PDB file of N, CA and C in Angstrom:
ATOM      1  N   LEU A   1      84.402  78.576  79.399  1.00  0.00           N
ATOM      2  CA  LEU A   1      84.670  79.946  79.096  1.00  0.00           C
ATOM      3  C   LEU A   1      83.986  80.863  80.086  1.00  0.00           C
ATOM      4  N   ALA A   2      82.855  80.529  80.527  1.00  0.00           N
ATOM      5  CA  ALA A   2      82.132  81.435  81.471  1.00  0.00           C
ATOM      6  C   ALA A   2      82.794  81.489  82.808  1.00  0.00           C
ATOM      7  N   ALA A   3      83.539  80.434  83.206  1.00  0.00           N
ATOM      8  CA  ALA A   3      84.210  80.444  84.512  1.00  0.00           C
ATOM      9  C   ALA A   3      85.438  81.388  84.480  1.00  0.00           C
ATOM     10  N   ALA A   4      86.060  81.552  83.389  1.00  0.00           N
ATOM     11  CA  ALA A   4      87.242  82.431  83.290  1.00  0.00           C
ATOM     12  C   ALA A   4      86.912  83.854  83.638  1.00  0.00           C
ATOM     13  N   PRO A   5      85.893  84.497  83.032  1.00  0.00           N
ATOM     14  CA  PRO A   5      85.573  85.861  83.382  1.00  0.00           C
ATOM     15  C   PRO A   5      85.211  86.032  84.886  1.00  0.00           C
ATOM     16  N   ALA A   6      84.564  85.024  85.445  1.00  0.00           N
ATOM     17  CA  ALA A   6      84.203  85.131  86.853  1.00  0.00           C
ATOM     18  C   ALA A   6      85.434  85.129  87.757  1.00  0.00           C
ATOM     19  N   ASP A   7      86.511  84.416  87.289  1.00  0.00           N
ATOM     20  CA  ASP A   7      87.719  84.348  88.063  1.00  0.00           C
ATOM     21  C   ASP A   7      88.513  85.692  87.982  1.00  0.00           C
ATOM     22  N   GLU A   8      88.424  86.345  86.879  1.00  0.00           N
ATOM     23  CA  GLU A   8      89.208  87.588  86.700  1.00  0.00           C
ATOM     24  C   GLU A   8      88.855  88.638  87.723  1.00  0.00           C
ATOM     25  N   PRO A   9      87.642  88.940  88.024  1.00  0.00           N
ATOM     26  CA  PRO A   9      87.381  89.988  89.066  1.00  0.00           C
ATOM     27  C   PRO A   9      87.941  89.561  90.436  1.00  0.00           C
ATOM     28  N   GLU A  10      87.918  88.280  90.722  1.00  0.00           N
ATOM     29  CA  GLU A  10      88.432  87.790  91.969  1.00  0.00           C
ATOM     30  C   GLU A  10      89.953  88.041  92.035  1.00  0.00           C
ATOM     31  N   ARG A  11      90.609  87.870  90.928  1.00  0.00           N
ATOM     32  CA  ARG A  11      92.053  88.153  90.894  1.00  0.00           C
ATOM     33  C   ARG A  11      92.330  89.660  90.984  1.00  0.00           C
ATOM     34  N   ASP A  12      91.473  90.447  90.389  1.00  0.00           N
ATOM     35  CA  ASP A  12      91.721  91.876  90.425  1.00  0.00           C
ATOM     36  C   ASP A  12      91.599  92.433  91.852  1.00  0.00           C
ATOM     37  N   GLU A  13      90.594  91.931  92.653  1.00  0.00           N
ATOM     38  CA  GLU A  13      90.402  92.455  93.973  1.00  0.00           C
ATOM     39  C   GLU A  13      91.619  92.272  94.822  1.00  0.00           C
ATOM     40  N   PRO A  14      92.215  91.039  94.950  1.00  0.00           N
ATOM     41  CA  PRO A  14      93.379  90.923  95.815  1.00  0.00           C
ATOM     42  C   PRO A  14      94.567  91.727  95.329  1.00  0.00           C
ATOM     43  N   VAL A  15      94.685  91.971  94.055  1.00  0.00           N
ATOM     44  CA  VAL A  15      95.766  92.808  93.533  1.00  0.00           C
ATOM     45  C   VAL A  15      95.543  94.227  94.030  1.00  0.00           C
ATOM     46  N   GLU A  16      94.331  94.720  94.002  1.00  0.00           N
ATOM     47  CA  GLU A  16      94.051  96.089  94.438  1.00  0.00           C
ATOM     48  C   GLU A  16      94.316  96.186  95.976  1.00  0.00           C
ATOM     49  N   GLU A  17      93.884  95.157  96.710  1.00  0.00           N
ATOM     50  CA  GLU A  17      94.125  95.173  98.167  1.00  0.00           C
ATOM     51  C   GLU A  17      95.658  95.131  98.443  1.00  0.00           C
ATOM     52  N   ALA A  18      96.391  94.434  97.693  1.00  0.00           N
ATOM     53  CA  ALA A  18      97.808  94.338  97.865  1.00  0.00           C
ATOM     54  C   ALA A  18      98.479  95.696  97.572  1.00  0.00           C
ATOM     55  N   GLU A  19      97.941  96.423  96.557  1.00  0.00           N
ATOM     56  CA  GLU A  19      98.555  97.688  96.173  1.00  0.00           C
ATOM     57  C   GLU A  19      98.279  98.729  97.270  1.00  0.00           C
ATOM     58  N   GLN A  20      97.166  98.689  97.925  1.00  0.00           N
ATOM     59  CA  GLN A  20      96.874  99.721  98.885  1.00  0.00           C
ATOM     60  C   GLN A  20      97.899  99.770 100.019  1.00  0.00           C
ATOM     61  N   PRO A  21      98.206  98.667 100.703  1.00  0.00           N
ATOM     62  CA  PRO A  21      99.247  98.739 101.679  1.00  0.00           C
ATOM     63  C   PRO A  21     100.574  99.175 101.155  1.00  0.00           C
ATOM     64  N   ALA A  22     100.887  98.763  99.929  1.00  0.00           N
ATOM     65  CA  ALA A  22     102.167  99.208  99.338  1.00  0.00           C
ATOM     66  C   ALA A  22     102.208 100.697  99.138  1.00  0.00           C
ATOM     67  N   GLU A  23     101.070 101.267  98.725  1.00  0.00           N
ATOM     68  CA  GLU A  23     101.027 102.717  98.553  1.00  0.00           C
ATOM     69  C   GLU A  23     101.126 103.410  99.908  1.00  0.00           C
ATOM     70  N   GLN A  24     100.486 102.885 100.912  1.00  0.00           N
ATOM     71  CA  GLN A  24     100.543 103.495 102.209  1.00  0.00           C
ATOM     72  C   GLN A  24     101.963 103.409 102.759  1.00  0.00           C
ATOM     73  N   ALA A  25     102.639 102.297 102.555  1.00  0.00           N
ATOM     74  CA  ALA A  25     104.005 102.125 102.985  1.00  0.00           C
ATOM     75  C   ALA A  25     104.931 103.088 102.222  1.00  0.00           C
ATOM     76  N   ALA A  26     104.660 103.315 101.013  1.00  0.00           N
ATOM     77  CA  ALA A  26     105.467 104.268 100.201  1.00  0.00           C
ATOM     78  C   ALA A  26     105.276 105.703 100.700  1.00  0.00           C
ATOM     79  N   THR A  27     104.084 106.057 101.151  1.00  0.00           N
ATOM     80  CA  THR A  27     103.889 107.402 101.589  1.00  0.00           C
ATOM     81  C   THR A  27     104.490 107.646 102.969  1.00  0.00           C
ATOM     82  N   GLN A  28     104.623 106.601 103.786  1.00  0.00           N
ATOM     83  CA  GLN A  28     105.222 106.685 105.086  1.00  0.00           C
ATOM     84  C   GLN A  28     106.681 106.219 104.952  1.00  0.00           C
ATOM     85  N   LYS A  29     107.594 107.074 105.299  1.00  0.00           N
ATOM     86  CA  LYS A  29     109.029 106.709 105.270  1.00  0.00           C
ATOM     87  C   LYS A  29     109.329 105.720 106.361  1.00  0.00           C
ATOM     88  N   ALA A  30     110.278 104.903 106.139  1.00  0.00           N
ATOM     89  CA  ALA A  30     110.724 103.950 107.179  1.00  0.00           C
ATOM     90  C   ALA A  30     111.476 104.690 108.267  1.00  0.00           C
ATOM     91  N   THR A  31     112.303 105.659 107.841  1.00  0.00           N
ATOM     92  CA  THR A  31     113.011 106.497 108.807  1.00  0.00           C
ATOM     93  C   THR A  31     112.681 107.947 108.641  1.00  0.00           C
ATOM     94  N   VAL A  32     112.605 108.663 109.740  1.00  0.00           N
ATOM     95  CA  VAL A  32     112.300 110.084 109.649  1.00  0.00           C
ATOM     96  C   VAL A  32     113.234 110.884 110.545  1.00  0.00           C
ATOM     97  N   SER A  33     113.150 112.189 110.421  1.00  0.00           N
ATOM     98  CA  SER A  33     113.962 113.076 111.260  1.00  0.00           C
ATOM     99  C   SER A  33     113.014 113.738 112.288  1.00  0.00           C
ATOM    100  N   VAL A  34     113.464 113.874 113.502  1.00  0.00           N
ATOM    101  CA  VAL A  34     112.690 114.528 114.517  1.00  0.00           C
ATOM    102  C   VAL A  34     113.143 116.003 114.530  1.00  0.00           C
ATOM    103  N   ARG A  35     112.190 116.912 114.238  1.00  0.00           N
ATOM    104  CA  ARG A  35     112.536 118.352 114.082  1.00  0.00           C
ATOM    105  C   ARG A  35     111.876 119.136 115.263  1.00  0.00           C
ATOM    106  N   LEU A  36     112.703 119.867 115.988  1.00  0.00           N
ATOM    107  CA  LEU A  36     112.188 120.748 117.045  1.00  0.00           C
ATOM    108  C   LEU A  36     111.825 122.057 116.373  1.00  0.00           C
ATOM    109  N   VAL A  37     110.596 122.435 116.393  1.00  0.00           N
ATOM    110  CA  VAL A  37     110.088 123.673 115.702  1.00  0.00           C
ATOM    111  C   VAL A  37     110.205 124.827 116.664  1.00  0.00           C
ATOM    112  N   SER A  38     109.648 124.677 117.833  1.00  0.00           N
ATOM    113  CA  SER A  38     109.721 125.720 118.883  1.00  0.00           C
ATOM    114  C   SER A  38     109.461 125.106 120.222  1.00  0.00           C
ATOM    115  N   PHE A  39     109.456 125.939 121.262  1.00  0.00           N
ATOM    116  CA  PHE A  39     109.263 125.447 122.617  1.00  0.00           C
ATOM    117  C   PHE A  39     108.725 126.584 123.478  1.00  0.00           C
ATOM    118  N   GLU A  40     108.058 126.240 124.568  1.00  0.00           N
ATOM    119  CA  GLU A  40     107.550 127.213 125.496  1.00  0.00           C
ATOM    120  C   GLU A  40     108.764 127.771 126.274  1.00  0.00           C
ATOM    121  N   ALA A  41     108.848 129.058 126.429  1.00  0.00           N
ATOM    122  CA  ALA A  41     109.986 129.714 127.106  1.00  0.00           C
ATOM    123  C   ALA A  41     110.122 129.195 128.567  1.00  0.00           C
ATOM    124  N   SER A  42     108.971 128.958 129.194  1.00  0.00           N
ATOM    125  CA  SER A  42     108.999 128.533 130.576  1.00  0.00           C
ATOM    126  C   SER A  42     109.412 127.094 130.738  1.00  0.00           C
ATOM    127  N   LYS A  43     109.427 126.347 129.655  1.00  0.00           N
ATOM    128  CA  LYS A  43     109.832 124.929 129.636  1.00  0.00           C
ATOM    129  C   LYS A  43     111.178 124.679 129.020  1.00  0.00           C
ATOM    130  N   LYS A  44     111.946 125.705 128.826  1.00  0.00           N
ATOM    131  CA  LYS A  44     113.204 125.602 128.063  1.00  0.00           C
ATOM    132  C   LYS A  44     114.143 124.598 128.680  1.00  0.00           C
ATOM    133  N   ILE A  45     114.339 124.643 130.021  1.00  0.00           N
ATOM    134  CA  ILE A  45     115.277 123.758 130.690  1.00  0.00           C
ATOM    135  C   ILE A  45     114.815 122.298 130.555  1.00  0.00           C
ATOM    136  N   THR A  46     113.537 121.999 130.651  1.00  0.00           N
ATOM    137  CA  THR A  46     113.008 120.668 130.456  1.00  0.00           C
ATOM    138  C   THR A  46     113.275 120.170 129.068  1.00  0.00           C
ATOM    139  N   VAL A  47     113.050 121.026 128.048  1.00  0.00           N
ATOM    140  CA  VAL A  47     113.289 120.661 126.704  1.00  0.00           C
ATOM    141  C   VAL A  47     114.753 120.370 126.456  1.00  0.00           C
ATOM    142  N   ILE A  48     115.632 121.188 126.993  1.00  0.00           N
ATOM    143  CA  ILE A  48     117.060 120.976 126.862  1.00  0.00           C
ATOM    144  C   ILE A  48     117.488 119.599 127.454  1.00  0.00           C
ATOM    145  N   LYS A  49     116.920 119.252 128.608  1.00  0.00           N
ATOM    146  CA  LYS A  49     117.206 117.934 129.261  1.00  0.00           C
ATOM    147  C   LYS A  49     116.783 116.816 128.353  1.00  0.00           C
ATOM    148  N   GLU A  50     115.552 116.935 127.745  1.00  0.00           N
ATOM    149  CA  GLU A  50     115.063 115.836 126.859  1.00  0.00           C
ATOM    150  C   GLU A  50     115.963 115.731 125.609  1.00  0.00           C
ATOM    151  N   VAL A  51     116.331 116.860 125.039  1.00  0.00           N
ATOM    152  CA  VAL A  51     117.198 116.830 123.843  1.00  0.00           C
ATOM    153  C   VAL A  51     118.511 116.181 124.218  1.00  0.00           C
ATOM    154  N   ARG A  52     119.074 116.543 125.331  1.00  0.00           N
ATOM    155  CA  ARG A  52     120.324 116.002 125.819  1.00  0.00           C
ATOM    156  C   ARG A  52     120.216 114.476 125.982  1.00  0.00           C
ATOM    157  N   ALA A  53     119.137 114.008 126.569  1.00  0.00           N
ATOM    158  CA  ALA A  53     118.903 112.582 126.768  1.00  0.00           C
ATOM    159  C   ALA A  53     118.763 111.827 125.429  1.00  0.00           C
ATOM    160  N   MET A  54     118.152 112.491 124.433  1.00  0.00           N
ATOM    161  CA  MET A  54     117.869 111.853 123.156  1.00  0.00           C
ATOM    162  C   MET A  54     119.132 111.728 122.285  1.00  0.00           C
ATOM    163  N   THR A  55     119.959 112.784 122.360  1.00  0.00           N
ATOM    164  CA  THR A  55     121.040 112.880 121.448  1.00  0.00           C
ATOM    165  C   THR A  55     122.384 112.362 122.059  1.00  0.00           C
ATOM    166  N   GLY A  56     122.457 112.316 123.371  1.00  0.00           N
ATOM    167  CA  GLY A  56     123.699 111.929 124.035  1.00  0.00           C
ATOM    168  C   GLY A  56     124.766 113.037 123.964  1.00  0.00           C
ATOM    169  N   GLU A  57     124.358 114.255 123.593  1.00  0.00           N
ATOM    170  CA  GLU A  57     125.254 115.345 123.525  1.00  0.00           C
ATOM    171  C   GLU A  57     125.463 115.986 124.888  1.00  0.00           C
ATOM    172  N   GLY A  58     126.397 116.839 124.985  1.00  0.00           N
ATOM    173  CA  GLY A  58     126.655 117.545 126.231  1.00  0.00           C
ATOM    174  C   GLY A  58     125.599 118.640 126.463  1.00  0.00           C
ATOM    175  N   LEU A  59     125.608 119.225 127.624  1.00  0.00           N
ATOM    176  CA  LEU A  59     124.637 120.224 127.988  1.00  0.00           C
ATOM    177  C   LEU A  59     124.769 121.461 127.071  1.00  0.00           C
ATOM    178  N   LYS A  60     126.024 121.885 126.789  1.00  0.00           N
ATOM    179  CA  LYS A  60     126.196 123.081 125.927  1.00  0.00           C
ATOM    180  C   LYS A  60     125.659 122.869 124.542  1.00  0.00           C
ATOM    181  N   GLU A  61     125.984 121.675 123.926  1.00  0.00           N
ATOM    182  CA  GLU A  61     125.473 121.428 122.594  1.00  0.00           C
ATOM    183  C   GLU A  61     123.961 121.330 122.541  1.00  0.00           C
ATOM    184  N   SER A  62     123.373 120.685 123.532  1.00  0.00           N
ATOM    185  CA  SER A  62     121.918 120.538 123.618  1.00  0.00           C
ATOM    186  C   SER A  62     121.276 121.917 123.744  1.00  0.00           C
ATOM    187  N   LYS A  63     121.867 122.767 124.602  1.00  0.00           N
ATOM    188  CA  LYS A  63     121.306 124.104 124.785  1.00  0.00           C
ATOM    189  C   LYS A  63     121.340 124.905 123.546  1.00  0.00           C
ATOM    190  N   GLU A  64     122.465 124.830 122.810  1.00  0.00           N
ATOM    191  CA  GLU A  64     122.640 125.559 121.517  1.00  0.00           C
ATOM    192  C   GLU A  64     121.593 125.039 120.509  1.00  0.00           C
ATOM    193  N   LYS A  65     121.426 123.711 120.477  1.00  0.00           N
ATOM    194  CA  LYS A  65     120.441 123.165 119.562  1.00  0.00           C
ATOM    195  C   LYS A  65     119.052 123.644 119.852  1.00  0.00           C
ATOM    196  N   VAL A  66     118.667 123.625 121.103  1.00  0.00           N
ATOM    197  CA  VAL A  66     117.270 124.097 121.471  1.00  0.00           C
ATOM    198  C   VAL A  66     117.119 125.574 121.189  1.00  0.00           C
ATOM    199  N   GLU A  67     118.101 126.387 121.537  1.00  0.00           N
ATOM    200  CA  GLU A  67     118.017 127.794 121.317  1.00  0.00           C
ATOM    201  C   GLU A  67     118.016 128.135 119.848  1.00  0.00           C
ATOM    202  N   GLY A  68     118.596 127.280 119.000  1.00  0.00           N
ATOM    203  CA  GLY A  68     118.625 127.518 117.558  1.00  0.00           C
ATOM    204  C   GLY A  68     117.430 126.943 116.854  1.00  0.00           C
ATOM    205  N   ALA A  69     116.369 126.661 117.536  1.00  0.00           N
ATOM    206  CA  ALA A  69     115.143 126.047 116.938  1.00  0.00           C
ATOM    207  C   ALA A  69     114.658 127.018 115.875  1.00  0.00           C
ATOM    208  N   PRO A  70     114.170 126.548 114.758  1.00  0.00           N
ATOM    209  CA  PRO A  70     113.896 125.182 114.396  1.00  0.00           C
ATOM    210  C   PRO A  70     115.201 124.420 113.971  1.00  0.00           C
ATOM    211  N   CYS A  71     115.296 123.186 114.379  1.00  0.00           N
ATOM    212  CA  CYS A  71     116.438 122.353 114.056  1.00  0.00           C
ATOM    213  C   CYS A  71     116.104 120.870 114.168  1.00  0.00           C
ATOM    214  N   VAL A  72     116.899 120.068 113.526  1.00  0.00           N
ATOM    215  CA  VAL A  72     116.749 118.637 113.552  1.00  0.00           C
ATOM    216  C   VAL A  72     117.431 118.087 114.820  1.00  0.00           C
ATOM    217  N   VAL A  73     116.628 117.377 115.596  1.00  0.00           N
ATOM    218  CA  VAL A  73     117.231 116.814 116.838  1.00  0.00           C
ATOM    219  C   VAL A  73     117.866 115.486 116.551  1.00  0.00           C
ATOM    220  N   ARG A  74     117.147 114.618 115.802  1.00  0.00           N
ATOM    221  CA  ARG A  74     117.737 113.301 115.412  1.00  0.00           C
ATOM    222  C   ARG A  74     117.343 113.043 113.936  1.00  0.00           C
ATOM    223  N   LYS A  75     118.299 112.461 113.221  1.00  0.00           N
ATOM    224  CA  LYS A  75     118.057 112.141 111.820  1.00  0.00           C
ATOM    225  C   LYS A  75     117.966 110.653 111.667  1.00  0.00           C
ATOM    226  N   ALA A  76     117.283 110.187 110.630  1.00  0.00           N
ATOM    227  CA  ALA A  76     117.157 108.820 110.234  1.00  0.00           C
ATOM    228  C   ALA A  76     116.776 107.831 111.370  1.00  0.00           C
ATOM    229  N   VAL A  77     115.707 108.210 112.046  1.00  0.00           N
ATOM    230  CA  VAL A  77     115.273 107.400 113.176  1.00  0.00           C
ATOM    231  C   VAL A  77     114.082 106.584 112.698  1.00  0.00           C
ATOM    232  N   PRO A  78     113.951 105.311 113.093  1.00  0.00           N
ATOM    233  CA  PRO A  78     112.763 104.523 112.709  1.00  0.00           C
ATOM    234  C   PRO A  78     111.504 105.183 113.177  1.00  0.00           C
ATOM    235  N   ARG A  79     110.456 105.142 112.356  1.00  0.00           N
ATOM    236  CA  ARG A  79     109.237 105.884 112.600  1.00  0.00           C
ATOM    237  C   ARG A  79     108.666 105.700 114.040  1.00  0.00           C
ATOM    238  N   ALA A  80     108.611 104.462 114.497  1.00  0.00           N
ATOM    239  CA  ALA A  80     108.055 104.175 115.826  1.00  0.00           C
ATOM    240  C   ALA A  80     108.883 104.880 116.918  1.00  0.00           C
ATOM    241  N   GLU A  81     110.147 104.801 116.813  1.00  0.00           N
ATOM    242  CA  GLU A  81     111.069 105.459 117.782  1.00  0.00           C
ATOM    243  C   GLU A  81     110.904 106.964 117.704  1.00  0.00           C
ATOM    244  N   ALA A  82     110.830 107.487 116.495  1.00  0.00           N
ATOM    245  CA  ALA A  82     110.659 108.951 116.265  1.00  0.00           C
ATOM    246  C   ALA A  82     109.358 109.470 116.914  1.00  0.00           C
ATOM    247  N   GLU A  83     108.302 108.700 116.767  1.00  0.00           N
ATOM    248  CA  GLU A  83     107.029 109.118 117.363  1.00  0.00           C
ATOM    249  C   GLU A  83     107.142 109.151 118.867  1.00  0.00           C
ATOM    250  N   ALA A  84     107.842 108.166 119.483  1.00  0.00           N
ATOM    251  CA  ALA A  84     108.021 108.125 120.925  1.00  0.00           C
ATOM    252  C   ALA A  84     108.870 109.341 121.397  1.00  0.00           C
ATOM    253  N   LEU A  85     109.926 109.665 120.656  1.00  0.00           N
ATOM    254  CA  LEU A  85     110.775 110.783 120.982  1.00  0.00           C
ATOM    255  C   LEU A  85     109.953 112.105 120.879  1.00  0.00           C
ATOM    256  N   ALA A  86     109.189 112.204 119.836  1.00  0.00           N
ATOM    257  CA  ALA A  86     108.346 113.384 119.584  1.00  0.00           C
ATOM    258  C   ALA A  86     107.393 113.561 120.755  1.00  0.00           C
ATOM    259  N   GLU A  87     106.789 112.513 121.230  1.00  0.00           N
ATOM    260  CA  GLU A  87     105.830 112.609 122.343  1.00  0.00           C
ATOM    261  C   GLU A  87     106.526 113.084 123.623  1.00  0.00           C
ATOM    262  N   LYS A  88     107.747 112.617 123.864  1.00  0.00           N
ATOM    263  CA  LYS A  88     108.535 113.074 125.028  1.00  0.00           C
ATOM    264  C   LYS A  88     108.812 114.543 124.938  1.00  0.00           C
ATOM    265  N   LEU A  89     109.193 115.029 123.748  1.00  0.00           N
ATOM    266  CA  LEU A  89     109.467 116.419 123.576  1.00  0.00           C
ATOM    267  C   LEU A  89     108.201 117.263 123.768  1.00  0.00           C
ATOM    268  N   ARG A  90     107.078 116.771 123.216  1.00  0.00           N
ATOM    269  CA  ARG A  90     105.814 117.500 123.373  1.00  0.00           C
ATOM    270  C   ARG A  90     105.397 117.609 124.810  1.00  0.00           C
ATOM    271  N   ALA A  91     105.645 116.505 125.569  1.00  0.00           N
ATOM    272  CA  ALA A  91     105.277 116.483 126.965  1.00  0.00           C
ATOM    273  C   ALA A  91     106.199 117.432 127.749  1.00  0.00           C
ATOM    274  N   ALA A  92     107.386 117.695 127.221  1.00  0.00           N
ATOM    275  CA  ALA A  92     108.314 118.646 127.848  1.00  0.00           C
ATOM    276  C   ALA A  92     108.000 120.086 127.532  1.00  0.00           C
ATOM    277  N   GLY A  93     107.082 120.336 126.510  1.00  0.00           N
ATOM    278  CA  GLY A  93     106.703 121.671 126.209  1.00  0.00           C
ATOM    279  C   GLY A  93     107.225 122.154 124.841  1.00  0.00           C
ATOM    280  N   ALA A  94     107.609 121.206 123.969  1.00  0.00           N
ATOM    281  CA  ALA A  94     108.141 121.594 122.657  1.00  0.00           C
ATOM    282  C   ALA A  94     107.142 121.283 121.555  1.00  0.00           C
ATOM    283  N   GLU A  95     107.275 122.057 120.469  1.00  0.00           N
ATOM    284  CA  GLU A  95     106.505 121.697 119.270  1.00  0.00           C
ATOM    285  C   GLU A  95     107.418 120.970 118.337  1.00  0.00           C
ATOM    286  N   VAL A  96     106.983 119.813 117.920  1.00  0.00           N
ATOM    287  CA  VAL A  96     107.846 118.896 117.162  1.00  0.00           C
ATOM    288  C   VAL A  96     107.144 118.439 115.894  1.00  0.00           C
ATOM    289  N   THR A  97     107.915 118.244 114.780  1.00  0.00           N
ATOM    290  CA  THR A  97     107.382 117.638 113.582  1.00  0.00           C
ATOM    291  C   THR A  97     108.312 116.487 113.167  1.00  0.00           C
ATOM    292  N   LEU A  98     107.758 115.583 112.406  1.00  0.00           N
ATOM    293  CA  LEU A  98     108.489 114.436 111.888  1.00  0.00           C
ATOM    294  C   LEU A  98     108.642 114.657 110.377  1.00  0.00           C
ATOM    295  N   ASP A  99     109.837 114.706 109.881  1.00  0.00           N
ATOM    296  CA  ASP A  99     110.090 114.936 108.446  1.00  0.00           C
ATOM    297  C   ASP A  99     110.604 113.648 107.799  1.00  0.00           C
TER     298      ASP A  99
END
């Protein structure tokens, strides 16, 4: 009987450890949207080129999207890809959020 209570805390610890990654995974979405919040006026052309490359849209559509900021550039993108896209836009002079 004394061995059973000693085993119980050991079982509780792995359960808690297993719950922590599950909670972290739940707080981070698997897919996110890349949102263009604003951009530097002097970097507008560079931002338009990046948006065009990311979306595959034409120049006119990309320009309208950038000028209409804040707007969603890409929807339902895997988190790792979204972070890479966000870094490219930030390097081009844009302010970006992941929703």
